[in-house]
Amino acid sequence: MADTKEHAHELIDRLPPTQLSAVVGLLEAMLDPVSRTIANAPVEEEELTPETAAALDRARASLARGEGIPHDEILREFGLKK
């Protein structure tokens, strides 16, 4: 285990500052008990009702025809910016 920790420290020491913040965020999430519980929770798969399956089919067909809503429009709708 000591070798693994030393290796991790060496890798962290070699990271540029821009990537270091991402690694810190990842480590914090891995150590947070709530995040860990969510990450390890079993996947719950609900059966789709025929109505929901049909709605998904219509939505996918609409996207395939290029009828989707542009990302910028959605952001504006919610008062968000890129």
C-alpha atoms as a PDB file:
ATOM      1  CA  MET A   1       0.000   0.000   0.000  1.00  0.00           C
ATOM      2  CA  ALA A   2       2.861   2.392   0.752  1.00  0.00           C
ATOM      3  CA  ASP A   3       4.165   1.941  -2.789  1.00  0.00           C
ATOM      4  CA  THR A   4       0.742   2.744  -4.216  1.00  0.00           C
ATOM      5  CA  LYS A   5       0.446   5.900  -2.114  1.00  0.00           C
ATOM      6  CA  GLU A   6       3.940   6.989  -3.101  1.00  0.00           C
ATOM      7  CA  HIS A   7       3.094   6.413  -6.752  1.00  0.00           C
ATOM      8  CA  ALA A   8      -0.118   8.441  -6.364  1.00  0.00           C
ATOM      9  CA  HIS A   9       1.845  11.284  -4.761  1.00  0.00           C
ATOM     10  CA  GLU A  10       4.394  11.210  -7.584  1.00  0.00           C
ATOM     11  CA  LEU A  11       1.648  11.395 -10.193  1.00  0.00           C
ATOM     12  CA  ILE A  12      -0.080  14.257  -8.382  1.00  0.00           C
ATOM     13  CA  ASP A  13       3.207  16.153  -8.124  1.00  0.00           C
ATOM     14  CA  ARG A  14       3.594  15.945 -11.915  1.00  0.00           C
ATOM     15  CA  LEU A  15       0.140  17.360 -12.692  1.00  0.00           C
ATOM     16  CA  PRO A  16      -0.253  20.918 -13.935  1.00  0.00           C
ATOM     17  CA  PRO A  17      -2.393  23.158 -11.692  1.00  0.00           C
ATOM     18  CA  THR A  18      -5.319  23.050 -14.128  1.00  0.00           C
ATOM     19  CA  GLN A  19      -5.620  19.278 -13.780  1.00  0.00           C
ATOM     20  CA  LEU A  20      -4.850  19.237 -10.077  1.00  0.00           C
ATOM     21  CA  SER A  21      -8.194  20.807  -9.159  1.00  0.00           C
ATOM     22  CA  ALA A  22     -10.024  18.057 -11.065  1.00  0.00           C
ATOM     23  CA  VAL A  23      -8.111  15.370  -9.176  1.00  0.00           C
ATOM     24  CA  VAL A  24      -8.835  17.058  -5.849  1.00  0.00           C
ATOM     25  CA  GLY A  25     -12.547  17.145  -6.703  1.00  0.00           C
ATOM     26  CA  LEU A  26     -12.476  13.478  -7.641  1.00  0.00           C
ATOM     27  CA  LEU A  27     -10.708  12.491  -4.424  1.00  0.00           C
ATOM     28  CA  GLU A  28     -13.134  14.543  -2.331  1.00  0.00           C
ATOM     29  CA  ALA A  29     -16.090  12.868  -4.028  1.00  0.00           C
ATOM     30  CA  MET A  30     -14.542   9.427  -3.516  1.00  0.00           C
ATOM     31  CA  LEU A  31     -14.052  10.104   0.194  1.00  0.00           C
ATOM     32  CA  ASP A  32     -17.469  11.685   0.804  1.00  0.00           C
ATOM     33  CA  PRO A  33     -19.722   9.029   2.357  1.00  0.00           C
ATOM     34  CA  VAL A  34     -22.861  10.284   0.601  1.00  0.00           C
ATOM     35  CA  SER A  35     -21.172  10.342  -2.816  1.00  0.00           C
ATOM     36  CA  ARG A  36     -19.739   6.891  -2.184  1.00  0.00           C
ATOM     37  CA  THR A  37     -23.154   5.533  -1.195  1.00  0.00           C
ATOM     38  CA  ILE A  38     -24.783   6.980  -4.304  1.00  0.00           C
ATOM     39  CA  ALA A  39     -22.013   5.635  -6.551  1.00  0.00           C
ATOM     40  CA  ASN A  40     -22.376   2.155  -5.060  1.00  0.00           C
ATOM     41  CA  ALA A  41     -26.180   2.100  -5.024  1.00  0.00           C
ATOM     42  CA  PRO A  42     -27.805  -0.551  -7.171  1.00  0.00           C
ATOM     43  CA  VAL A  43     -29.315   0.621 -10.414  1.00  0.00           C
ATOM     44  CA  GLU A  44     -33.083   0.639 -10.264  1.00  0.00           C
ATOM     45  CA  GLU A  45     -34.646  -0.093 -13.588  1.00  0.00           C
ATOM     46  CA  GLU A  46     -38.328   0.588 -13.910  1.00  0.00           C
ATOM     47  CA  GLU A  47     -40.295  -1.039 -16.657  1.00  0.00           C
ATOM     48  CA  LEU A  48     -41.466   1.398 -19.286  1.00  0.00           C
ATOM     49  CA  THR A  49     -45.179   1.693 -19.742  1.00  0.00           C
ATOM     50  CA  PRO A  50     -46.378   1.425 -23.333  1.00  0.00           C
ATOM     51  CA  GLU A  51     -47.241   5.139 -23.204  1.00  0.00           C
ATOM     52  CA  THR A  52     -43.738   6.102 -22.064  1.00  0.00           C
ATOM     53  CA  ALA A  53     -42.111   3.851 -24.666  1.00  0.00           C
ATOM     54  CA  ALA A  54     -44.242   5.466 -27.386  1.00  0.00           C
ATOM     55  CA  ALA A  55     -43.331   8.957 -26.149  1.00  0.00           C
ATOM     56  CA  LEU A  56     -39.631   8.044 -26.235  1.00  0.00           C
ATOM     57  CA  ASP A  57     -39.993   6.686 -29.764  1.00  0.00           C
ATOM     58  CA  ARG A  58     -41.666   9.936 -30.867  1.00  0.00           C
ATOM     59  CA  ALA A  59     -38.949  12.027 -29.211  1.00  0.00           C
ATOM     60  CA  ARG A  60     -36.133  10.018 -30.811  1.00  0.00           C
ATOM     61  CA  ALA A  61     -37.790  10.245 -34.222  1.00  0.00           C
ATOM     62  CA  SER A  62     -38.180  14.002 -33.783  1.00  0.00           C
ATOM     63  CA  LEU A  63     -34.475  14.344 -32.965  1.00  0.00           C
ATOM     64  CA  ALA A  64     -33.562  12.181 -35.952  1.00  0.00           C
ATOM     65  CA  ARG A  65     -35.495  14.617 -38.156  1.00  0.00           C
ATOM     66  CA  GLY A  66     -33.483  17.505 -36.685  1.00  0.00           C
ATOM     67  CA  GLU A  67     -36.399  18.910 -34.722  1.00  0.00           C
ATOM     68  CA  GLY A  68     -34.550  19.159 -31.414  1.00  0.00           C
ATOM     69  CA  ILE A  69     -34.256  22.359 -29.393  1.00  0.00           C
ATOM     70  CA  PRO A  70     -30.833  24.046 -29.671  1.00  0.00           C
ATOM     71  CA  HIS A  71     -28.734  24.026 -26.509  1.00  0.00           C
ATOM     72  CA  ASP A  72     -28.481  27.836 -26.435  1.00  0.00           C
ATOM     73  CA  GLU A  73     -32.269  28.113 -26.500  1.00  0.00           C
ATOM     74  CA  ILE A  74     -32.627  25.787 -23.516  1.00  0.00           C
ATOM     75  CA  LEU A  75     -30.004  27.756 -21.591  1.00  0.00           C
ATOM     76  CA  ARG A  76     -31.860  31.014 -22.316  1.00  0.00           C
ATOM     77  CA  GLU A  77     -35.144  29.462 -21.227  1.00  0.00           C
ATOM     78  CA  PHE A  78     -33.653  28.676 -17.829  1.00  0.00           C
ATOM     79  CA  GLY A  79     -31.747  31.956 -17.570  1.00  0.00           C
ATOM     80  CA  LEU A  80     -28.375  30.229 -17.887  1.00  0.00           C
ATOM     81  CA  LYS A  81     -25.243  31.062 -19.855  1.00  0.00           C
ATOM     82  CA  LYS A  82     -22.481  28.897 -21.298  1.00  0.00           C
END
